[in-house]
């Protein structure tokens, strides 16, 4: 499960940037929630020209069945 605050997508006015973020997330090949959330946050900051435009929060939770 991935939760993004509005700050992560705020400022991505161009539809192309939002689609790029969605595609990036779908291509992530990480299993560790901490690594995944860091990668998503770093990519979002990159799309925002290297600046955090607002509070930016990414929460990733993994659920595994034994």
PDB file of N, CA and C in Angstrom:
ATOM      1  N   UNK A   1       0.856  -1.153   0.000  1.00  0.00           N
ATOM      2  CA  UNK A   1       0.000   0.000   0.000  1.00  0.00           C
ATOM      3  C   UNK A   1       0.911   1.228   0.000  1.00  0.00           C
ATOM      4  N   UNK A   2       0.586   2.173  -0.845  1.00  0.00           N
ATOM      5  CA  UNK A   2       1.367   3.406  -0.943  1.00  0.00           C
ATOM      6  C   UNK A   2       0.432   4.583  -0.724  1.00  0.00           C
ATOM      7  N   UNK A   3       0.780   5.436   0.233  1.00  0.00           N
ATOM      8  CA  UNK A   3       0.025   6.656   0.498  1.00  0.00           C
ATOM      9  C   UNK A   3       0.930   7.847   0.215  1.00  0.00           C
ATOM     10  N   UNK A   4       0.412   8.810  -0.539  1.00  0.00           N
ATOM     11  CA  UNK A   4       1.163  10.017  -0.868  1.00  0.00           C
ATOM     12  C   UNK A   4       0.406  11.226  -0.345  1.00  0.00           C
ATOM     13  N   UNK A   5       1.112  12.137   0.296  1.00  0.00           N
ATOM     14  CA  UNK A   5       0.457  13.378   0.703  1.00  0.00           C
ATOM     15  C   UNK A   5       0.282  14.267  -0.515  1.00  0.00           C
ATOM     16  N   UNK A   6      -0.575  15.265  -0.385  1.00  0.00           N
ATOM     17  CA  UNK A   6      -0.816  16.160  -1.516  1.00  0.00           C
ATOM     18  C   UNK A   6       0.440  16.910  -1.929  1.00  0.00           C
ATOM     19  N   UNK A   7       1.370  17.096  -1.010  1.00  0.00           N
ATOM     20  CA  UNK A   7       2.614  17.783  -1.349  1.00  0.00           C
ATOM     21  C   UNK A   7       3.463  17.024  -2.351  1.00  0.00           C
ATOM     22  N   UNK A   8       3.309  15.705  -2.381  1.00  0.00           N
ATOM     23  CA  UNK A   8       4.088  14.888  -3.319  1.00  0.00           C
ATOM     24  C   UNK A   8       3.605  15.113  -4.746  1.00  0.00           C
ATOM     25  N   UNK A   9       2.303  15.282  -4.918  1.00  0.00           N
ATOM     26  CA  UNK A   9       1.768  15.481  -6.264  1.00  0.00           C
ATOM     27  C   UNK A   9       1.410  16.932  -6.556  1.00  0.00           C
ATOM     28  N   UNK A  10       1.380  17.784  -5.531  1.00  0.00           N
ATOM     29  CA  UNK A  10       1.088  19.193  -5.734  1.00  0.00           C
ATOM     30  C   UNK A  10       2.179  19.805  -6.594  1.00  0.00           C
ATOM     31  N   UNK A  11       1.803  20.621  -7.494  1.00  0.00           N
ATOM     32  CA  UNK A  11       2.775  21.244  -8.369  1.00  0.00           C
ATOM     33  C   UNK A  11       3.043  20.420  -9.614  1.00  0.00           C
ATOM     34  N   UNK A  12       2.514  19.195  -9.665  1.00  0.00           N
ATOM     35  CA  UNK A  12       2.651  18.384 -10.865  1.00  0.00           C
ATOM     36  C   UNK A  12       1.463  18.694 -11.770  1.00  0.00           C
ATOM     37  N   UNK A  13       1.296  19.966 -12.074  1.00  0.00           N
ATOM     38  CA  UNK A  13       0.152  20.422 -12.852  1.00  0.00           C
ATOM     39  C   UNK A  13       0.092  19.769 -14.218  1.00  0.00           C
ATOM     40  N   UNK A  14       1.246  19.553 -14.782  1.00  0.00           N
ATOM     41  CA  UNK A  14       1.261  18.952 -16.101  1.00  0.00           C
ATOM     42  C   UNK A  14       0.871  17.476 -15.979  1.00  0.00           C
ATOM     43  N   UNK A  15      -0.090  17.071 -16.773  1.00  0.00           N
ATOM     44  CA  UNK A  15      -0.559  15.684 -16.754  1.00  0.00           C
ATOM     45  C   UNK A  15       0.601  14.721 -16.976  1.00  0.00           C
ATOM     46  N   UNK A  16       1.541  15.132 -17.811  1.00  0.00           N
ATOM     47  CA  UNK A  16       2.681  14.272 -18.126  1.00  0.00           C
ATOM     48  C   UNK A  16       3.485  13.925 -16.871  1.00  0.00           C
ATOM     49  N   UNK A  17       3.686  14.882 -15.978  1.00  0.00           N
ATOM     50  CA  UNK A  17       4.461  14.616 -14.766  1.00  0.00           C
ATOM     51  C   UNK A  17       3.750  13.621 -13.863  1.00  0.00           C
ATOM     52  N   UNK A  18       2.443  13.757 -13.736  1.00  0.00           N
ATOM     53  CA  UNK A  18       1.674  12.837 -12.898  1.00  0.00           C
ATOM     54  C   UNK A  18       1.719  11.433 -13.485  1.00  0.00           C
ATOM     55  N   UNK A  19       1.606  11.332 -14.796  1.00  0.00           N
ATOM     56  CA  UNK A  19       1.689  10.032 -15.455  1.00  0.00           C
ATOM     57  C   UNK A  19       3.081   9.446 -15.263  1.00  0.00           C
ATOM     58  N   UNK A  20       4.112  10.282 -15.359  1.00  0.00           N
ATOM     59  CA  UNK A  20       5.483   9.799 -15.151  1.00  0.00           C
ATOM     60  C   UNK A  20       5.655   9.274 -13.734  1.00  0.00           C
ATOM     61  N   UNK A  21       5.078   9.948 -12.737  1.00  0.00           N
ATOM     62  CA  UNK A  21       5.166   9.480 -11.354  1.00  0.00           C
ATOM     63  C   UNK A  21       4.461   8.134 -11.206  1.00  0.00           C
ATOM     64  N   UNK A  22       3.290   7.994 -11.791  1.00  0.00           N
ATOM     65  CA  UNK A  22       2.558   6.724 -11.733  1.00  0.00           C
ATOM     66  C   UNK A  22       3.363   5.605 -12.391  1.00  0.00           C
ATOM     67  N   UNK A  23       3.942   5.892 -13.546  1.00  0.00           N
ATOM     68  CA  UNK A  23       4.736   4.884 -14.250  1.00  0.00           C
ATOM     69  C   UNK A  23       5.973   4.512 -13.440  1.00  0.00           C
ATOM     70  N   UNK A  24       6.606   5.512 -12.826  1.00  0.00           N
ATOM     71  CA  UNK A  24       7.791   5.256 -12.004  1.00  0.00           C
ATOM     72  C   UNK A  24       7.447   4.301 -10.858  1.00  0.00           C
ATOM     73  N   UNK A  25       6.352   4.574 -10.179  1.00  0.00           N
ATOM     74  CA  UNK A  25       5.942   3.732  -9.056  1.00  0.00           C
ATOM     75  C   UNK A  25       5.638   2.314  -9.534  1.00  0.00           C
ATOM     76  N   UNK A  26       4.976   2.191 -10.669  1.00  0.00           N
ATOM     77  CA  UNK A  26       4.619   0.859 -11.158  1.00  0.00           C
ATOM     78  C   UNK A  26       5.846   0.051 -11.579  1.00  0.00           C
ATOM     79  N   UNK A  27       6.938   0.726 -11.934  1.00  0.00           N
ATOM     80  CA  UNK A  27       8.158   0.030 -12.354  1.00  0.00           C
ATOM     81  C   UNK A  27       9.121  -0.263 -11.208  1.00  0.00           C
ATOM     82  N   UNK A  28       8.863   0.260 -10.027  1.00  0.00           N
ATOM     83  CA  UNK A  28       9.781   0.034  -8.907  1.00  0.00           C
ATOM     84  C   UNK A  28       9.925  -1.452  -8.628  1.00  0.00           C
ATOM     85  N   UNK A  29      11.155  -1.882  -8.490  1.00  0.00           N
ATOM     86  CA  UNK A  29      11.433  -3.296  -8.225  1.00  0.00           C
ATOM     87  C   UNK A  29      12.068  -3.422  -6.838  1.00  0.00           C
ATOM     88  N   UNK A  30      11.410  -2.836  -5.857  1.00  0.00           N
ATOM     89  CA  UNK A  30      11.901  -2.851  -4.481  1.00  0.00           C
ATOM     90  C   UNK A  30      10.883  -3.556  -3.598  1.00  0.00           C
ATOM     91  N   UNK A  31      11.363  -4.307  -2.636  1.00  0.00           N
ATOM     92  CA  UNK A  31      10.472  -4.983  -1.697  1.00  0.00           C
ATOM     93  C   UNK A  31      10.468  -4.315  -0.328  1.00  0.00           C
ATOM     94  N   UNK A  32      11.523  -3.583  -0.012  1.00  0.00           N
ATOM     95  CA  UNK A  32      11.644  -2.939   1.280  1.00  0.00           C
ATOM     96  C   UNK A  32      10.822  -1.645   1.287  1.00  0.00           C
ATOM     97  N   UNK A  33       9.821  -1.529   2.163  1.00  0.00           N
ATOM     98  CA  UNK A  33       8.979  -0.328   2.184  1.00  0.00           C
ATOM     99  C   UNK A  33       9.767   0.963   2.400  1.00  0.00           C
ATOM    100  N   UNK A  34      10.790   0.927   3.231  1.00  0.00           N
ATOM    101  CA  UNK A  34      11.593   2.133   3.480  1.00  0.00           C
ATOM    102  C   UNK A  34      12.308   2.579   2.210  1.00  0.00           C
ATOM    103  N   UNK A  35      12.899   1.630   1.492  1.00  0.00           N
ATOM    104  CA  UNK A  35      13.598   1.967   0.253  1.00  0.00           C
ATOM    105  C   UNK A  35      12.623   2.475  -0.806  1.00  0.00           C
ATOM    106  N   UNK A  36      11.449   1.862  -0.860  1.00  0.00           N
ATOM    107  CA  UNK A  36      10.451   2.272  -1.838  1.00  0.00           C
ATOM    108  C   UNK A  36       9.959   3.690  -1.559  1.00  0.00           C
ATOM    109  N   UNK A  37       9.664   4.001  -0.301  1.00  0.00           N
ATOM    110  CA  UNK A  37       9.177   5.343   0.029  1.00  0.00           C
ATOM    111  C   UNK A  37      10.248   6.393  -0.248  1.00  0.00           C
ATOM    112  N   UNK A  38      11.505   6.080   0.053  1.00  0.00           N
ATOM    113  CA  UNK A  38      12.601   7.021  -0.228  1.00  0.00           C
ATOM    114  C   UNK A  38      12.740   7.239  -1.728  1.00  0.00           C
ATOM    115  N   UNK A  39      12.648   6.179  -2.511  1.00  0.00           N
ATOM    116  CA  UNK A  39      12.776   6.299  -3.965  1.00  0.00           C
ATOM    117  C   UNK A  39      11.657   7.162  -4.544  1.00  0.00           C
ATOM    118  N   UNK A  40      10.427   6.960  -4.072  1.00  0.00           N
ATOM    119  CA  UNK A  40       9.289   7.743  -4.559  1.00  0.00           C
ATOM    120  C   UNK A  40       9.447   9.203  -4.176  1.00  0.00           C
ATOM    121  N   UNK A  41       9.841   9.461  -2.947  1.00  0.00           N
ATOM    122  CA  UNK A  41      10.028  10.839  -2.490  1.00  0.00           C
ATOM    123  C   UNK A  41      11.138  11.522  -3.284  1.00  0.00           C
ATOM    124  N   UNK A  42      12.255  10.850  -3.470  1.00  0.00           N
ATOM    125  CA  UNK A  42      13.362  11.424  -4.243  1.00  0.00           C
ATOM    126  C   UNK A  42      12.934  11.730  -5.673  1.00  0.00           C
ATOM    127  N   UNK A  43      12.176  10.830  -6.284  1.00  0.00           N
ATOM    128  CA  UNK A  43      11.720  11.047  -7.655  1.00  0.00           C
ATOM    129  C   UNK A  43      10.759  12.236  -7.714  1.00  0.00           C
ATOM    130  N   UNK A  44       9.871  12.346  -6.746  1.00  0.00           N
ATOM    131  CA  UNK A  44       8.931  13.460  -6.719  1.00  0.00           C
ATOM    132  C   UNK A  44       9.674  14.788  -6.575  1.00  0.00           C
ATOM    133  N   UNK A  45      10.669  14.822  -5.712  1.00  0.00           N
ATOM    134  CA  UNK A  45      11.463  16.045  -5.546  1.00  0.00           C
ATOM    135  C   UNK A  45      12.174  16.381  -6.850  1.00  0.00           C
ATOM    136  N   UNK A  46      12.655  15.377  -7.545  1.00  0.00           N
ATOM    137  CA  UNK A  46      13.303  15.598  -8.839  1.00  0.00           C
ATOM    138  C   UNK A  46      12.308  16.222  -9.831  1.00  0.00           C
ATOM    139  N   UNK A  47      11.074  15.739  -9.846  1.00  0.00           N
ATOM    140  CA  UNK A  47      10.057  16.308 -10.730  1.00  0.00           C
ATOM    141  C   UNK A  47       9.709  17.742 -10.354  1.00  0.00           C
ATOM    142  N   UNK A  48       9.935  18.096  -9.098  1.00  0.00           N
ATOM    143  CA  UNK A  48       9.682  19.457  -8.618  1.00  0.00           C
ATOM    144  C   UNK A  48      10.934  20.331  -8.740  1.00  0.00           C
ATOM    145  N   UNK A  49      11.813  19.982  -9.644  1.00  0.00           N
ATOM    146  CA  UNK A  49      13.044  20.730  -9.919  1.00  0.00           C
ATOM    147  C   UNK A  49      13.966  20.775  -8.708  1.00  0.00           C
ATOM    148  N   UNK A  50      14.007  19.690  -7.938  1.00  0.00           N
ATOM    149  CA  UNK A  50      14.943  19.564  -6.830  1.00  0.00           C
ATOM    150  C   UNK A  50      14.537  20.256  -5.545  1.00  0.00           C
ATOM    151  N   UNK A  51      13.291  20.734  -5.469  1.00  0.00           N
ATOM    152  CA  UNK A  51      12.834  21.444  -4.275  1.00  0.00           C
ATOM    153  C   UNK A  51      11.546  20.831  -3.750  1.00  0.00           C
ATOM    154  N   UNK A  52      11.451  20.746  -2.439  1.00  0.00           N
ATOM    155  CA  UNK A  52      10.196  20.325  -1.810  1.00  0.00           C
ATOM    156  C   UNK A  52       9.286  21.547  -1.791  1.00  0.00           C
ATOM    157  N   UNK A  53       8.154  21.469  -2.472  1.00  0.00           N
ATOM    158  CA  UNK A  53       7.271  22.622  -2.586  1.00  0.00           C
ATOM    159  C   UNK A  53       6.284  22.722  -1.420  1.00  0.00           C
ATOM    160  N   UNK A  54       6.163  21.678  -0.660  1.00  0.00           N
ATOM    161  CA  UNK A  54       5.204  21.606   0.437  1.00  0.00           C
ATOM    162  C   UNK A  54       5.658  20.467   1.335  1.00  0.00           C
ATOM    163  N   UNK A  55       4.913  20.203   2.393  1.00  0.00           N
ATOM    164  CA  UNK A  55       5.204  19.006   3.170  1.00  0.00           C
ATOM    165  C   UNK A  55       5.009  17.815   2.246  1.00  0.00           C
ATOM    166  N   UNK A  56       6.014  16.966   2.181  1.00  0.00           N
ATOM    167  CA  UNK A  56       5.953  15.820   1.276  1.00  0.00           C
ATOM    168  C   UNK A  56       6.129  14.550   2.098  1.00  0.00           C
ATOM    169  N   UNK A  57       5.107  13.702   2.076  1.00  0.00           N
ATOM    170  CA  UNK A  57       5.130  12.475   2.854  1.00  0.00           C
ATOM    171  C   UNK A  57       4.764  11.300   1.971  1.00  0.00           C
ATOM    172  N   UNK A  58       5.553  10.233   2.094  1.00  0.00           N
ATOM    173  CA  UNK A  58       5.261   8.989   1.403  1.00  0.00           C
ATOM    174  C   UNK A  58       5.279   7.888   2.442  1.00  0.00           C
ATOM    175  N   UNK A  59       4.196   7.119   2.522  1.00  0.00           N
ATOM    176  CA  UNK A  59       4.105   6.001   3.446  1.00  0.00           C
ATOM    177  C   UNK A  59       3.877   4.742   2.622  1.00  0.00           C
ATOM    178  N   UNK A  60       4.738   3.765   2.845  1.00  0.00           N
ATOM    179  CA  UNK A  60       4.618   2.486   2.144  1.00  0.00           C
ATOM    180  C   UNK A  60       4.509   1.386   3.190  1.00  0.00           C
ATOM    181  N   UNK A  61       3.506   0.557   3.045  1.00  0.00           N
ATOM    182  CA  UNK A  61       3.322  -0.571   3.958  1.00  0.00           C
ATOM    183  C   UNK A  61       3.279  -1.850   3.133  1.00  0.00           C
ATOM    184  N   UNK A  62       4.018  -2.817   3.585  1.00  0.00           N
ATOM    185  CA  UNK A  62       4.008  -4.126   2.933  1.00  0.00           C
ATOM    186  C   UNK A  62       3.264  -5.118   3.795  1.00  0.00           C
ATOM    187  N   UNK A  63       2.452  -5.939   3.167  1.00  0.00           N
ATOM    188  CA  UNK A  63       1.708  -6.969   3.884  1.00  0.00           C
ATOM    189  C   UNK A  63       2.043  -8.300   3.255  1.00  0.00           C
ATOM    190  N   UNK A  64       2.574  -9.193   4.070  1.00  0.00           N
ATOM    191  CA  UNK A  64       2.940 -10.523   3.589  1.00  0.00           C
ATOM    192  C   UNK A  64       2.170 -11.563   4.375  1.00  0.00           C
ATOM    193  N   UNK A  65       1.812 -12.582   3.705  1.00  0.00           N
ATOM    194  CA  UNK A  65       1.095 -13.679   4.344  1.00  0.00           C
ATOM    195  C   UNK A  65       2.078 -14.839   4.523  1.00  0.00           C
ATOM    196  N   UNK A  66       2.124 -15.373   5.736  1.00  0.00           N
ATOM    197  CA  UNK A  66       2.992 -16.517   6.015  1.00  0.00           C
ATOM    198  C   UNK A  66       2.286 -17.813   5.787  1.00  0.00           C
TER     199      UNK A  66
END
